[in-house]
């Protein structure tokens, strides 16, 4: 797991030359917390640029 400190977030949100080229990793806590869920389970997850929404889909 990461230390979610300033350096982590600075690196996480670094800009690419265009938004289409930006590939963001899913939050490691989301991946860990959802690995036991059954398909079709409802999950309320915060939003930002949509990385988690795409990963969950």
PDB file of N, CA and C in Angstrom:
ATOM      1  N   UNK A   1       0.833  -1.188   0.000  1.00  0.00           N
ATOM      2  CA  UNK A   1       0.000   0.000   0.000  1.00  0.00           C
ATOM      3  C   UNK A   1       0.875   1.248   0.000  1.00  0.00           C
ATOM      4  N   UNK A   2       0.290   2.315  -0.427  1.00  0.00           N
ATOM      5  CA  UNK A   2       0.988   3.587  -0.496  1.00  0.00           C
ATOM      6  C   UNK A   2       0.805   4.383   0.793  1.00  0.00           C
ATOM      7  N   UNK A   3       1.729   5.278   1.029  1.00  0.00           N
ATOM      8  CA  UNK A   3       1.512   6.328   2.017  1.00  0.00           C
ATOM      9  C   UNK A   3       0.829   7.450   1.251  1.00  0.00           C
ATOM     10  N   UNK A   4      -0.384   7.783   1.608  1.00  0.00           N
ATOM     11  CA  UNK A   4      -1.127   8.801   0.890  1.00  0.00           C
ATOM     12  C   UNK A   4      -0.729  10.194   1.380  1.00  0.00           C
ATOM     13  N   UNK A   5       0.519  10.523   1.124  1.00  0.00           N
ATOM     14  CA  UNK A   5       1.056  11.815   1.526  1.00  0.00           C
ATOM     15  C   UNK A   5       1.077  12.769   0.333  1.00  0.00           C
ATOM     16  N   UNK A   6       1.624  13.941   0.532  1.00  0.00           N
ATOM     17  CA  UNK A   6       1.664  14.959  -0.524  1.00  0.00           C
ATOM     18  C   UNK A   6       2.352  14.437  -1.783  1.00  0.00           C
ATOM     19  N   UNK A   7       3.472  13.754  -1.618  1.00  0.00           N
ATOM     20  CA  UNK A   7       4.192  13.244  -2.782  1.00  0.00           C
ATOM     21  C   UNK A   7       3.368  12.236  -3.573  1.00  0.00           C
ATOM     22  N   UNK A   8       2.642  11.383  -2.878  1.00  0.00           N
ATOM     23  CA  UNK A   8       1.787  10.410  -3.576  1.00  0.00           C
ATOM     24  C   UNK A   8       0.764  11.142  -4.444  1.00  0.00           C
ATOM     25  N   UNK A   9       0.061  12.116  -3.862  1.00  0.00           N
ATOM     26  CA  UNK A   9      -0.998  12.802  -4.611  1.00  0.00           C
ATOM     27  C   UNK A   9      -0.440  13.676  -5.715  1.00  0.00           C
ATOM     28  N   UNK A  10       0.713  14.288  -5.508  1.00  0.00           N
ATOM     29  CA  UNK A  10       1.331  15.069  -6.570  1.00  0.00           C
ATOM     30  C   UNK A  10       1.632  14.175  -7.771  1.00  0.00           C
ATOM     31  N   UNK A  11       2.162  13.002  -7.519  1.00  0.00           N
ATOM     32  CA  UNK A  11       2.466  12.057  -8.593  1.00  0.00           C
ATOM     33  C   UNK A  11       1.192  11.484  -9.207  1.00  0.00           C
ATOM     34  N   UNK A  12       0.196  11.223  -8.379  1.00  0.00           N
ATOM     35  CA  UNK A  12      -1.071  10.647  -8.830  1.00  0.00           C
ATOM     36  C   UNK A  12      -1.801  11.568  -9.802  1.00  0.00           C
ATOM     37  N   UNK A  13      -1.785  12.857  -9.537  1.00  0.00           N
ATOM     38  CA  UNK A  13      -2.546  13.807 -10.345  1.00  0.00           C
ATOM     39  C   UNK A  13      -1.700  14.558 -11.355  1.00  0.00           C
ATOM     40  N   UNK A  14      -0.482  14.114 -11.611  1.00  0.00           N
ATOM     41  CA  UNK A  14       0.376  14.803 -12.578  1.00  0.00           C
ATOM     42  C   UNK A  14      -0.316  14.828 -13.945  1.00  0.00           C
ATOM     43  N   UNK A  15      -0.236  15.956 -14.611  1.00  0.00           N
ATOM     44  CA  UNK A  15      -0.920  16.119 -15.888  1.00  0.00           C
ATOM     45  C   UNK A  15      -0.152  15.450 -17.015  1.00  0.00           C
ATOM     46  N   UNK A  16      -0.891  14.876 -17.941  1.00  0.00           N
ATOM     47  CA  UNK A  16      -0.321  14.359 -19.188  1.00  0.00           C
ATOM     48  C   UNK A  16      -0.537  15.419 -20.261  1.00  0.00           C
ATOM     49  N   UNK A  17      -0.066  15.150 -21.443  1.00  0.00           N
ATOM     50  CA  UNK A  17      -0.210  16.136 -22.506  1.00  0.00           C
ATOM     51  C   UNK A  17      -1.666  16.320 -22.910  1.00  0.00           C
ATOM     52  N   UNK A  18      -2.478  15.299 -22.756  1.00  0.00           N
ATOM     53  CA  UNK A  18      -3.911  15.430 -23.000  1.00  0.00           C
ATOM     54  C   UNK A  18      -4.638  14.482 -22.063  1.00  0.00           C
ATOM     55  N   UNK A  19      -5.898  14.796 -21.708  1.00  0.00           N
ATOM     56  CA  UNK A  19      -6.643  13.921 -20.795  1.00  0.00           C
ATOM     57  C   UNK A  19      -6.791  12.498 -21.325  1.00  0.00           C
ATOM     58  N   UNK A  20      -6.838  12.312 -22.629  1.00  0.00           N
ATOM     59  CA  UNK A  20      -6.986  10.962 -23.191  1.00  0.00           C
ATOM     60  C   UNK A  20      -5.734  10.124 -22.967  1.00  0.00           C
ATOM     61  N   UNK A  21      -4.599  10.773 -22.797  1.00  0.00           N
ATOM     62  CA  UNK A  21      -3.352  10.048 -22.568  1.00  0.00           C
ATOM     63  C   UNK A  21      -3.119   9.730 -21.103  1.00  0.00           C
ATOM     64  N   UNK A  22      -3.906  10.302 -20.232  1.00  0.00           N
ATOM     65  CA  UNK A  22      -3.730  10.100 -18.795  1.00  0.00           C
ATOM     66  C   UNK A  22      -4.327   8.751 -18.402  1.00  0.00           C
ATOM     67  N   UNK A  23      -3.510   7.872 -17.889  1.00  0.00           N
ATOM     68  CA  UNK A  23      -3.976   6.571 -17.402  1.00  0.00           C
ATOM     69  C   UNK A  23      -3.716   6.563 -15.906  1.00  0.00           C
ATOM     70  N   UNK A  24      -4.778   6.591 -15.150  1.00  0.00           N
ATOM     71  CA  UNK A  24      -4.651   6.664 -13.707  1.00  0.00           C
ATOM     72  C   UNK A  24      -4.856   5.283 -13.097  1.00  0.00           C
ATOM     73  N   UNK A  25      -4.073   4.916 -12.119  1.00  0.00           N
ATOM     74  CA  UNK A  25      -4.292   3.634 -11.443  1.00  0.00           C
ATOM     75  C   UNK A  25      -5.494   3.737 -10.507  1.00  0.00           C
ATOM     76  N   UNK A  26      -6.190   2.633 -10.349  1.00  0.00           N
ATOM     77  CA  UNK A  26      -7.305   2.616  -9.413  1.00  0.00           C
ATOM     78  C   UNK A  26      -6.747   2.737  -7.992  1.00  0.00           C
ATOM     79  N   UNK A  27      -7.514   3.364  -7.125  1.00  0.00           N
ATOM     80  CA  UNK A  27      -7.120   3.496  -5.729  1.00  0.00           C
ATOM     81  C   UNK A  27      -6.921   2.086  -5.157  1.00  0.00           C
ATOM     82  N   UNK A  28      -5.758   1.784  -4.579  1.00  0.00           N
ATOM     83  CA  UNK A  28      -5.505   0.427  -4.077  1.00  0.00           C
ATOM     84  C   UNK A  28      -6.479  -0.001  -2.985  1.00  0.00           C
ATOM     85  N   UNK A  29      -7.009   0.939  -2.218  1.00  0.00           N
ATOM     86  CA  UNK A  29      -7.990   0.578  -1.196  1.00  0.00           C
ATOM     87  C   UNK A  29      -9.303   0.140  -1.828  1.00  0.00           C
ATOM     88  N   UNK A  30      -9.702   0.767  -2.927  1.00  0.00           N
ATOM     89  CA  UNK A  30     -10.927   0.373  -3.608  1.00  0.00           C
ATOM     90  C   UNK A  30     -10.792  -1.050  -4.140  1.00  0.00           C
ATOM     91  N   UNK A  31      -9.683  -1.344  -4.781  1.00  0.00           N
ATOM     92  CA  UNK A  31      -9.457  -2.690  -5.305  1.00  0.00           C
ATOM     93  C   UNK A  31      -9.498  -3.725  -4.183  1.00  0.00           C
ATOM     94  N   UNK A  32      -8.860  -3.419  -3.068  1.00  0.00           N
ATOM     95  CA  UNK A  32      -8.822  -4.349  -1.943  1.00  0.00           C
ATOM     96  C   UNK A  32     -10.201  -4.534  -1.303  1.00  0.00           C
ATOM     97  N   UNK A  33     -10.934  -3.444  -1.124  1.00  0.00           N
ATOM     98  CA  UNK A  33     -12.229  -3.505  -0.448  1.00  0.00           C
ATOM     99  C   UNK A  33     -13.333  -4.135  -1.306  1.00  0.00           C
ATOM    100  N   UNK A  34     -13.174  -4.141  -2.616  1.00  0.00           N
ATOM    101  CA  UNK A  34     -14.244  -4.655  -3.480  1.00  0.00           C
ATOM    102  C   UNK A  34     -13.972  -6.055  -4.013  1.00  0.00           C
ATOM    103  N   UNK A  35     -12.836  -6.638  -3.712  1.00  0.00           N
ATOM    104  CA  UNK A  35     -12.501  -7.933  -4.301  1.00  0.00           C
ATOM    105  C   UNK A  35     -13.441  -9.061  -3.867  1.00  0.00           C
ATOM    106  N   UNK A  36     -14.122  -8.910  -2.747  1.00  0.00           N
ATOM    107  CA  UNK A  36     -15.037  -9.948  -2.270  1.00  0.00           C
ATOM    108  C   UNK A  36     -16.496  -9.690  -2.646  1.00  0.00           C
ATOM    109  N   UNK A  37     -16.792  -8.560  -3.294  1.00  0.00           N
ATOM    110  CA  UNK A  37     -18.174  -8.236  -3.645  1.00  0.00           C
ATOM    111  C   UNK A  37     -18.668  -9.065  -4.817  1.00  0.00           C
ATOM    112  N   UNK A  38     -19.930  -9.412  -4.789  1.00  0.00           N
ATOM    113  CA  UNK A  38     -20.556 -10.137  -5.891  1.00  0.00           C
ATOM    114  C   UNK A  38     -20.952  -9.156  -6.985  1.00  0.00           C
ATOM    115  N   UNK A  39     -20.936  -9.576  -8.246  1.00  0.00           N
ATOM    116  CA  UNK A  39     -21.415  -8.704  -9.326  1.00  0.00           C
ATOM    117  C   UNK A  39     -22.844  -8.240  -9.038  1.00  0.00           C
ATOM    118  N   UNK A  40     -23.110  -6.995  -9.315  1.00  0.00           N
ATOM    119  CA  UNK A  40     -24.435  -6.426  -9.075  1.00  0.00           C
ATOM    120  C   UNK A  40     -24.582  -5.767  -7.717  1.00  0.00           C
ATOM    121  N   UNK A  41     -23.549  -5.837  -6.881  1.00  0.00           N
ATOM    122  CA  UNK A  41     -23.582  -5.199  -5.571  1.00  0.00           C
ATOM    123  C   UNK A  41     -23.515  -3.684  -5.738  1.00  0.00           C
ATOM    124  N   UNK A  42     -24.351  -2.963  -4.997  1.00  0.00           N
ATOM    125  CA  UNK A  42     -24.341  -1.500  -5.062  1.00  0.00           C
ATOM    126  C   UNK A  42     -23.153  -0.966  -4.277  1.00  0.00           C
ATOM    127  N   UNK A  43     -22.533   0.072  -4.814  1.00  0.00           N
ATOM    128  CA  UNK A  43     -21.388   0.682  -4.158  1.00  0.00           C
ATOM    129  C   UNK A  43     -21.450   2.179  -4.397  1.00  0.00           C
ATOM    130  N   UNK A  44     -21.404   2.957  -3.314  1.00  0.00           N
ATOM    131  CA  UNK A  44     -21.373   4.412  -3.416  1.00  0.00           C
ATOM    132  C   UNK A  44     -19.919   4.830  -3.264  1.00  0.00           C
ATOM    133  N   UNK A  45     -19.342   5.332  -4.331  1.00  0.00           N
ATOM    134  CA  UNK A  45     -17.931   5.672  -4.355  1.00  0.00           C
ATOM    135  C   UNK A  45     -17.785   7.113  -4.801  1.00  0.00           C
ATOM    136  N   UNK A  46     -16.902   7.859  -4.167  1.00  0.00           N
ATOM    137  CA  UNK A  46     -16.674   9.253  -4.526  1.00  0.00           C
ATOM    138  C   UNK A  46     -16.215   9.400  -5.970  1.00  0.00           C
ATOM    139  N   UNK A  47     -16.315  10.592  -6.505  1.00  0.00           N
ATOM    140  CA  UNK A  47     -15.936  10.789  -7.901  1.00  0.00           C
ATOM    141  C   UNK A  47     -14.808  11.798  -8.015  1.00  0.00           C
ATOM    142  N   UNK A  48     -14.097  11.708  -9.103  1.00  0.00           N
ATOM    143  CA  UNK A  48     -13.023  12.648  -9.420  1.00  0.00           C
ATOM    144  C   UNK A  48     -12.966  12.739 -10.940  1.00  0.00           C
ATOM    145  N   UNK A  49     -12.038  11.996 -11.554  1.00  0.00           N
ATOM    146  CA  UNK A  49     -11.965  12.028 -13.011  1.00  0.00           C
ATOM    147  C   UNK A  49     -12.561  10.784 -13.652  1.00  0.00           C
ATOM    148  N   UNK A  50     -13.109   9.876 -12.850  1.00  0.00           N
ATOM    149  CA  UNK A  50     -13.796   8.705 -13.382  1.00  0.00           C
ATOM    150  C   UNK A  50     -12.983   7.443 -13.444  1.00  0.00           C
ATOM    151  N   UNK A  51     -11.761   7.452 -12.936  1.00  0.00           N
ATOM    152  CA  UNK A  51     -10.921   6.262 -12.981  1.00  0.00           C
ATOM    153  C   UNK A  51     -11.582   5.081 -12.303  1.00  0.00           C
ATOM    154  N   UNK A  52     -12.099   5.301 -11.087  1.00  0.00           N
ATOM    155  CA  UNK A  52     -12.730   4.209 -10.359  1.00  0.00           C
ATOM    156  C   UNK A  52     -14.009   3.740 -11.046  1.00  0.00           C
ATOM    157  N   UNK A  53     -14.781   4.663 -11.601  1.00  0.00           N
ATOM    158  CA  UNK A  53     -16.010   4.281 -12.315  1.00  0.00           C
ATOM    159  C   UNK A  53     -15.685   3.374 -13.498  1.00  0.00           C
ATOM    160  N   UNK A  54     -14.647   3.705 -14.236  1.00  0.00           N
ATOM    161  CA  UNK A  54     -14.239   2.862 -15.364  1.00  0.00           C
ATOM    162  C   UNK A  54     -13.745   1.509 -14.880  1.00  0.00           C
ATOM    163  N   UNK A  55     -12.970   1.497 -13.826  1.00  0.00           N
ATOM    164  CA  UNK A  55     -12.454   0.252 -13.287  1.00  0.00           C
ATOM    165  C   UNK A  55     -13.588  -0.634 -12.780  1.00  0.00           C
ATOM    166  N   UNK A  56     -14.557  -0.034 -12.079  1.00  0.00           N
ATOM    167  CA  UNK A  56     -15.682  -0.806 -11.561  1.00  0.00           C
ATOM    168  C   UNK A  56     -16.554  -1.369 -12.674  1.00  0.00           C
ATOM    169  N   UNK A  57     -16.669  -0.623 -13.776  1.00  0.00           N
ATOM    170  CA  UNK A  57     -17.484  -1.086 -14.906  1.00  0.00           C
ATOM    171  C   UNK A  57     -16.861  -2.321 -15.509  1.00  0.00           C
TER     172      UNK A  57
END
